[in-house]
């Protein structure tokens, strides 16, 4: 796994909590948070939880591809 697209709102555990759990055992995996319910300050909260980046839905294909290329070696 090179990258995780983490939805912020999930049924059992929210994406921020899941990110914190992942960071306990993997500090290098790239995690990009995504949400359809973007509010002011959400990006900062996601980054503080350990996400590398943040996108809000609807996700623009070109924006997502660019972010992935920034983090993953797509040679």
PDB file of N, CA and C in Angstrom:
ATOM      1  N   UNK A   1       0.852  -1.172   0.000  1.00  0.00           N
ATOM      2  CA  UNK A   1       0.000   0.000   0.000  1.00  0.00           C
ATOM      3  C   UNK A   1       0.897   1.233   0.000  1.00  0.00           C
ATOM      4  N   UNK A   2       0.684   2.102  -0.966  1.00  0.00           N
ATOM      5  CA  UNK A   2       1.472   3.327  -1.067  1.00  0.00           C
ATOM      6  C   UNK A   2       0.743   4.547  -0.526  1.00  0.00           C
ATOM      7  N   UNK A   3      -0.589   4.491  -0.527  1.00  0.00           N
ATOM      8  CA  UNK A   3      -1.368   5.670  -0.181  1.00  0.00           C
ATOM      9  C   UNK A   3      -2.756   5.249   0.285  1.00  0.00           C
ATOM     10  N   UNK A   4      -3.298   5.975   1.252  1.00  0.00           N
ATOM     11  CA  UNK A   4      -4.651   5.724   1.745  1.00  0.00           C
ATOM     12  C   UNK A   4      -5.492   6.964   1.485  1.00  0.00           C
ATOM     13  N   UNK A   5      -6.646   6.777   0.836  1.00  0.00           N
ATOM     14  CA  UNK A   5      -7.654   7.834   0.742  1.00  0.00           C
ATOM     15  C   UNK A   5      -8.612   7.591   1.893  1.00  0.00           C
ATOM     16  N   UNK A   6      -8.579   8.459   2.880  1.00  0.00           N
ATOM     17  CA  UNK A   6      -9.316   8.251   4.125  1.00  0.00           C
ATOM     18  C   UNK A   6     -10.564   9.123   4.166  1.00  0.00           C
ATOM     19  N   UNK A   7     -11.728   8.477   4.158  1.00  0.00           N
ATOM     20  CA  UNK A   7     -12.973   9.224   4.318  1.00  0.00           C
ATOM     21  C   UNK A   7     -13.075   9.659   5.776  1.00  0.00           C
ATOM     22  N   UNK A   8     -13.450  10.890   6.014  1.00  0.00           N
ATOM     23  CA  UNK A   8     -13.541  11.401   7.380  1.00  0.00           C
ATOM     24  C   UNK A   8     -14.740  10.807   8.111  1.00  0.00           C
ATOM     25  N   UNK A   9     -15.854  10.661   7.420  1.00  0.00           N
ATOM     26  CA  UNK A   9     -17.056  10.111   8.061  1.00  0.00           C
ATOM     27  C   UNK A   9     -17.246   8.659   7.645  1.00  0.00           C
ATOM     28  N   UNK A  10     -17.023   7.769   8.602  1.00  0.00           N
ATOM     29  CA  UNK A  10     -17.215   6.338   8.382  1.00  0.00           C
ATOM     30  C   UNK A  10     -18.057   5.807   9.532  1.00  0.00           C
ATOM     31  N   UNK A  11     -18.719   4.670   9.343  1.00  0.00           N
ATOM     32  CA  UNK A  11     -19.693   4.197  10.335  1.00  0.00           C
ATOM     33  C   UNK A  11     -19.141   3.809  11.705  1.00  0.00           C
ATOM     34  N   UNK A  12     -18.097   3.032  11.787  1.00  0.00           N
ATOM     35  CA  UNK A  12     -17.647   2.514  13.079  1.00  0.00           C
ATOM     36  C   UNK A  12     -16.608   3.433  13.720  1.00  0.00           C
ATOM     37  N   UNK A  13     -15.631   3.839  12.944  1.00  0.00           N
ATOM     38  CA  UNK A  13     -14.555   4.699  13.435  1.00  0.00           C
ATOM     39  C   UNK A  13     -14.383   5.830  12.423  1.00  0.00           C
ATOM     40  N   UNK A  14     -14.361   7.077  12.888  1.00  0.00           N
ATOM     41  CA  UNK A  14     -14.201   8.159  11.912  1.00  0.00           C
ATOM     42  C   UNK A  14     -12.774   8.181  11.372  1.00  0.00           C
ATOM     43  N   UNK A  15     -12.594   8.847  10.262  1.00  0.00           N
ATOM     44  CA  UNK A  15     -11.308   8.853   9.579  1.00  0.00           C
ATOM     45  C   UNK A  15     -10.173   9.464  10.374  1.00  0.00           C
ATOM     46  N   UNK A  16     -10.497  10.441  11.214  1.00  0.00           N
ATOM     47  CA  UNK A  16      -9.451  11.059  12.032  1.00  0.00           C
ATOM     48  C   UNK A  16      -8.937  10.076  13.072  1.00  0.00           C
ATOM     49  N   UNK A  17      -9.856   9.355  13.696  1.00  0.00           N
ATOM     50  CA  UNK A  17      -9.461   8.343  14.679  1.00  0.00           C
ATOM     51  C   UNK A  17      -8.684   7.216  14.000  1.00  0.00           C
ATOM     52  N   UNK A  18      -9.152   6.790  12.825  1.00  0.00           N
ATOM     53  CA  UNK A  18      -8.453   5.738  12.085  1.00  0.00           C
ATOM     54  C   UNK A  18      -7.039   6.181  11.709  1.00  0.00           C
ATOM     55  N   UNK A  19      -6.901   7.438  11.312  1.00  0.00           N
ATOM     56  CA  UNK A  19      -5.581   7.971  10.971  1.00  0.00           C
ATOM     57  C   UNK A  19      -4.656   7.939  12.181  1.00  0.00           C
ATOM     58  N   UNK A  20      -5.164   8.355  13.329  1.00  0.00           N
ATOM     59  CA  UNK A  20      -4.341   8.331  14.548  1.00  0.00           C
ATOM     60  C   UNK A  20      -3.887   6.911  14.871  1.00  0.00           C
ATOM     61  N   UNK A  21      -4.796   5.935  14.713  1.00  0.00           N
ATOM     62  CA  UNK A  21      -4.449   4.526  14.978  1.00  0.00           C
ATOM     63  C   UNK A  21      -3.366   4.050  14.007  1.00  0.00           C
ATOM     64  N   UNK A  22      -3.524   4.384  12.723  1.00  0.00           N
ATOM     65  CA  UNK A  22      -2.529   3.986  11.722  1.00  0.00           C
ATOM     66  C   UNK A  22      -1.171   4.593  12.057  1.00  0.00           C
ATOM     67  N   UNK A  23      -1.162   5.840  12.471  1.00  0.00           N
ATOM     68  CA  UNK A  23       0.099   6.524  12.792  1.00  0.00           C
ATOM     69  C   UNK A  23       0.822   5.897  13.979  1.00  0.00           C
ATOM     70  N   UNK A  24       0.107   5.151  14.814  1.00  0.00           N
ATOM     71  CA  UNK A  24       0.752   4.464  15.939  1.00  0.00           C
ATOM     72  C   UNK A  24       1.744   3.404  15.468  1.00  0.00           C
ATOM     73  N   UNK A  25       1.476   2.801  14.296  1.00  0.00           N
ATOM     74  CA  UNK A  25       2.364   1.747  13.811  1.00  0.00           C
ATOM     75  C   UNK A  25       2.973   2.039  12.439  1.00  0.00           C
ATOM     76  N   UNK A  26       2.532   3.115  11.781  1.00  0.00           N
ATOM     77  CA  UNK A  26       3.092   3.450  10.475  1.00  0.00           C
ATOM     78  C   UNK A  26       3.108   4.967  10.306  1.00  0.00           C
ATOM     79  N   UNK A  27       4.272   5.532  10.426  1.00  0.00           N
ATOM     80  CA  UNK A  27       4.387   6.989  10.333  1.00  0.00           C
ATOM     81  C   UNK A  27       4.690   7.469   8.918  1.00  0.00           C
ATOM     82  N   UNK A  28       4.919   6.531   7.992  1.00  0.00           N
ATOM     83  CA  UNK A  28       5.346   6.937   6.652  1.00  0.00           C
ATOM     84  C   UNK A  28       4.287   6.798   5.566  1.00  0.00           C
ATOM     85  N   UNK A  29       3.270   5.978   5.769  1.00  0.00           N
ATOM     86  CA  UNK A  29       2.236   5.812   4.741  1.00  0.00           C
ATOM     87  C   UNK A  29       1.548   7.153   4.496  1.00  0.00           C
ATOM     88  N   UNK A  30       1.297   7.460   3.247  1.00  0.00           N
ATOM     89  CA  UNK A  30       0.627   8.711   2.892  1.00  0.00           C
ATOM     90  C   UNK A  30      -0.877   8.546   3.097  1.00  0.00           C
ATOM     91  N   UNK A  31      -1.471   9.480   3.819  1.00  0.00           N
ATOM     92  CA  UNK A  31      -2.914   9.472   4.056  1.00  0.00           C
ATOM     93  C   UNK A  31      -3.484  10.801   3.576  1.00  0.00           C
ATOM     94  N   UNK A  32      -4.416  10.712   2.625  1.00  0.00           N
ATOM     95  CA  UNK A  32      -5.120  11.895   2.139  1.00  0.00           C
ATOM     96  C   UNK A  32      -6.557  11.805   2.627  1.00  0.00           C
ATOM     97  N   UNK A  33      -6.957  12.768   3.429  1.00  0.00           N
ATOM     98  CA  UNK A  33      -8.323  12.803   3.952  1.00  0.00           C
ATOM     99  C   UNK A  33      -9.267  13.311   2.871  1.00  0.00           C
ATOM    100  N   UNK A  34     -10.486  12.776   2.884  1.00  0.00           N
ATOM    101  CA  UNK A  34     -11.513  13.253   1.962  1.00  0.00           C
ATOM    102  C   UNK A  34     -12.833  13.344   2.702  1.00  0.00           C
ATOM    103  N   UNK A  35     -13.622  14.341   2.354  1.00  0.00           N
ATOM    104  CA  UNK A  35     -14.917  14.494   2.995  1.00  0.00           C
ATOM    105  C   UNK A  35     -15.888  15.233   2.096  1.00  0.00           C
ATOM    106  N   UNK A  36     -17.151  14.901   2.240  1.00  0.00           N
ATOM    107  CA  UNK A  36     -18.218  15.614   1.538  1.00  0.00           C
ATOM    108  C   UNK A  36     -18.780  16.711   2.423  1.00  0.00           C
ATOM    109  N   UNK A  37     -18.373  16.731   3.678  1.00  0.00           N
ATOM    110  CA  UNK A  37     -18.933  17.659   4.660  1.00  0.00           C
ATOM    111  C   UNK A  37     -17.869  18.644   5.129  1.00  0.00           C
ATOM    112  N   UNK A  38     -17.222  19.308   4.187  1.00  0.00           N
ATOM    113  CA  UNK A  38     -16.110  20.202   4.513  1.00  0.00           C
ATOM    114  C   UNK A  38     -16.590  21.452   5.243  1.00  0.00           C
ATOM    115  N   UNK A  39     -15.945  21.728   6.346  1.00  0.00           N
ATOM    116  CA  UNK A  39     -16.202  22.930   7.125  1.00  0.00           C
ATOM    117  C   UNK A  39     -14.891  23.680   7.316  1.00  0.00           C
ATOM    118  N   UNK A  40     -14.992  24.946   7.607  1.00  0.00           N
ATOM    119  CA  UNK A  40     -13.809  25.760   7.856  1.00  0.00           C
ATOM    120  C   UNK A  40     -12.993  25.143   8.992  1.00  0.00           C
ATOM    121  N   UNK A  41     -11.734  24.938   8.766  1.00  0.00           N
ATOM    122  CA  UNK A  41     -10.860  24.372   9.788  1.00  0.00           C
ATOM    123  C   UNK A  41     -10.685  22.867   9.700  1.00  0.00           C
ATOM    124  N   UNK A  42     -11.480  22.192   8.868  1.00  0.00           N
ATOM    125  CA  UNK A  42     -11.381  20.731   8.761  1.00  0.00           C
ATOM    126  C   UNK A  42     -10.023  20.275   8.236  1.00  0.00           C
ATOM    127  N   UNK A  43      -9.466  21.011   7.287  1.00  0.00           N
ATOM    128  CA  UNK A  43      -8.162  20.619   6.745  1.00  0.00           C
ATOM    129  C   UNK A  43      -7.113  20.634   7.847  1.00  0.00           C
ATOM    130  N   UNK A  44      -7.111  21.669   8.648  1.00  0.00           N
ATOM    131  CA  UNK A  44      -6.133  21.782   9.728  1.00  0.00           C
ATOM    132  C   UNK A  44      -6.304  20.659  10.747  1.00  0.00           C
ATOM    133  N   UNK A  45      -7.557  20.301  11.033  1.00  0.00           N
ATOM    134  CA  UNK A  45      -7.839  19.212  11.976  1.00  0.00           C
ATOM    135  C   UNK A  45      -7.326  17.889  11.416  1.00  0.00           C
ATOM    136  N   UNK A  46      -7.561  17.653  10.121  1.00  0.00           N
ATOM    137  CA  UNK A  46      -7.097  16.416   9.484  1.00  0.00           C
ATOM    138  C   UNK A  46      -5.571  16.339   9.490  1.00  0.00           C
ATOM    139  N   UNK A  47      -4.926  17.444   9.188  1.00  0.00           N
ATOM    140  CA  UNK A  47      -3.457  17.464   9.196  1.00  0.00           C
ATOM    141  C   UNK A  47      -2.921  17.230  10.602  1.00  0.00           C
ATOM    142  N   UNK A  48      -3.573  17.810  11.595  1.00  0.00           N
ATOM    143  CA  UNK A  48      -3.150  17.615  12.987  1.00  0.00           C
ATOM    144  C   UNK A  48      -3.334  16.165  13.430  1.00  0.00           C
ATOM    145  N   UNK A  49      -4.317  15.471  12.852  1.00  0.00           N
ATOM    146  CA  UNK A  49      -4.561  14.068  13.189  1.00  0.00           C
ATOM    147  C   UNK A  49      -3.534  13.141  12.547  1.00  0.00           C
ATOM    148  N   UNK A  50      -2.775  13.667  11.575  1.00  0.00           N
ATOM    149  CA  UNK A  50      -1.746  12.853  10.943  1.00  0.00           C
ATOM    150  C   UNK A  50      -1.901  12.662   9.451  1.00  0.00           C
ATOM    151  N   UNK A  51      -2.931  13.255   8.863  1.00  0.00           N
ATOM    152  CA  UNK A  51      -3.090  13.162   7.411  1.00  0.00           C
ATOM    153  C   UNK A  51      -2.028  14.015   6.731  1.00  0.00           C
ATOM    154  N   UNK A  52      -1.606  13.572   5.559  1.00  0.00           N
ATOM    155  CA  UNK A  52      -0.624  14.332   4.790  1.00  0.00           C
ATOM    156  C   UNK A  52      -1.269  15.442   3.974  1.00  0.00           C
ATOM    157  N   UNK A  53      -2.528  15.223   3.591  1.00  0.00           N
ATOM    158  CA  UNK A  53      -3.218  16.196   2.752  1.00  0.00           C
ATOM    159  C   UNK A  53      -4.715  16.008   2.908  1.00  0.00           C
ATOM    160  N   UNK A  54      -5.478  16.823   2.183  1.00  0.00           N
ATOM    161  CA  UNK A  54      -6.926  16.885   2.377  1.00  0.00           C
ATOM    162  C   UNK A  54      -7.578  17.315   1.070  1.00  0.00           C
ATOM    163  N   UNK A  55      -8.662  16.648   0.704  1.00  0.00           N
ATOM    164  CA  UNK A  55      -9.486  17.067  -0.433  1.00  0.00           C
ATOM    165  C   UNK A  55     -10.946  16.995  -0.019  1.00  0.00           C
ATOM    166  N   UNK A  56     -11.742  17.912  -0.563  1.00  0.00           N
ATOM    167  CA  UNK A  56     -13.171  17.870  -0.267  1.00  0.00           C
ATOM    168  C   UNK A  56     -13.925  17.403  -1.507  1.00  0.00           C
ATOM    169  N   UNK A  57     -15.037  16.732  -1.258  1.00  0.00           N
ATOM    170  CA  UNK A  57     -15.881  16.232  -2.341  1.00  0.00           C
ATOM    171  C   UNK A  57     -16.825  17.342  -2.776  1.00  0.00           C
ATOM    172  N   UNK A  58     -17.221  17.401  -4.020  1.00  0.00           N
ATOM    173  CA  UNK A  58     -16.818  16.470  -5.075  1.00  0.00           C
ATOM    174  C   UNK A  58     -15.348  16.680  -5.432  1.00  0.00           C
ATOM    175  N   UNK A  59     -14.663  15.578  -5.549  1.00  0.00           N
ATOM    176  CA  UNK A  59     -13.228  15.619  -5.820  1.00  0.00           C
ATOM    177  C   UNK A  59     -13.009  15.836  -7.309  1.00  0.00           C
ATOM    178  N   UNK A  60     -12.175  16.808  -7.619  1.00  0.00           N
ATOM    179  CA  UNK A  60     -11.798  17.049  -9.008  1.00  0.00           C
ATOM    180  C   UNK A  60     -10.707  16.050  -9.371  1.00  0.00           C
ATOM    181  N   UNK A  61     -10.949  15.296 -10.440  1.00  0.00           N
ATOM    182  CA  UNK A  61     -10.034  14.237 -10.852  1.00  0.00           C
ATOM    183  C   UNK A  61      -8.603  14.748 -11.009  1.00  0.00           C
ATOM    184  N   UNK A  62      -8.434  15.876 -11.681  1.00  0.00           N
ATOM    185  CA  UNK A  62      -7.084  16.397 -11.916  1.00  0.00           C
ATOM    186  C   UNK A  62      -6.404  16.787 -10.606  1.00  0.00           C
ATOM    187  N   UNK A  63      -7.166  17.341  -9.668  1.00  0.00           N
ATOM    188  CA  UNK A  63      -6.606  17.724  -8.368  1.00  0.00           C
ATOM    189  C   UNK A  63      -6.138  16.491  -7.599  1.00  0.00           C
ATOM    190  N   UNK A  64      -6.967  15.440  -7.598  1.00  0.00           N
ATOM    191  CA  UNK A  64      -6.606  14.220  -6.883  1.00  0.00           C
ATOM    192  C   UNK A  64      -5.376  13.558  -7.505  1.00  0.00           C
ATOM    193  N   UNK A  65      -5.350  13.476  -8.820  1.00  0.00           N
ATOM    194  CA  UNK A  65      -4.199  12.871  -9.500  1.00  0.00           C
ATOM    195  C   UNK A  65      -2.923  13.649  -9.188  1.00  0.00           C
ATOM    196  N   UNK A  66      -3.008  14.971  -9.179  1.00  0.00           N
ATOM    197  CA  UNK A  66      -1.837  15.794  -8.865  1.00  0.00           C
ATOM    198  C   UNK A  66      -1.349  15.537  -7.444  1.00  0.00           C
ATOM    199  N   UNK A  67      -2.284  15.449  -6.497  1.00  0.00           N
ATOM    200  CA  UNK A  67      -1.903  15.187  -5.104  1.00  0.00           C
ATOM    201  C   UNK A  67      -1.240  13.819  -4.977  1.00  0.00           C
ATOM    202  N   UNK A  68      -1.796  12.817  -5.642  1.00  0.00           N
ATOM    203  CA  UNK A  68      -1.215  11.473  -5.590  1.00  0.00           C
ATOM    204  C   UNK A  68       0.200  11.493  -6.166  1.00  0.00           C
ATOM    205  N   UNK A  69       0.382  12.178  -7.283  1.00  0.00           N
ATOM    206  CA  UNK A  69       1.716  12.264  -7.892  1.00  0.00           C
ATOM    207  C   UNK A  69       2.718  12.954  -6.974  1.00  0.00           C
ATOM    208  N   UNK A  70       2.251  13.897  -6.173  1.00  0.00           N
ATOM    209  CA  UNK A  70       3.143  14.584  -5.243  1.00  0.00           C
ATOM    210  C   UNK A  70       3.725  13.626  -4.203  1.00  0.00           C
ATOM    211  N   UNK A  71       2.941  12.616  -3.835  1.00  0.00           N
ATOM    212  CA  UNK A  71       3.335  11.739  -2.728  1.00  0.00           C
ATOM    213  C   UNK A  71       3.857  10.372  -3.154  1.00  0.00           C
ATOM    214  N   UNK A  72       3.460   9.895  -4.329  1.00  0.00           N
ATOM    215  CA  UNK A  72       3.815   8.543  -4.751  1.00  0.00           C
ATOM    216  C   UNK A  72       4.703   8.627  -5.986  1.00  0.00           C
ATOM    217  N   UNK A  73       5.742   7.835  -5.988  1.00  0.00           N
ATOM    218  CA  UNK A  73       6.629   7.785  -7.146  1.00  0.00           C
ATOM    219  C   UNK A  73       5.909   7.070  -8.275  1.00  0.00           C
ATOM    220  N   UNK A  74       5.419   7.820  -9.237  1.00  0.00           N
ATOM    221  CA  UNK A  74       4.646   7.261 -10.356  1.00  0.00           C
ATOM    222  C   UNK A  74       5.511   7.140 -11.599  1.00  0.00           C
ATOM    223  N   UNK A  75       6.673   6.556 -11.452  1.00  0.00           N
ATOM    224  CA  UNK A  75       7.617   6.453 -12.574  1.00  0.00           C
ATOM    225  C   UNK A  75       7.126   5.504 -13.633  1.00  0.00           C
TER     226      UNK A  75
END
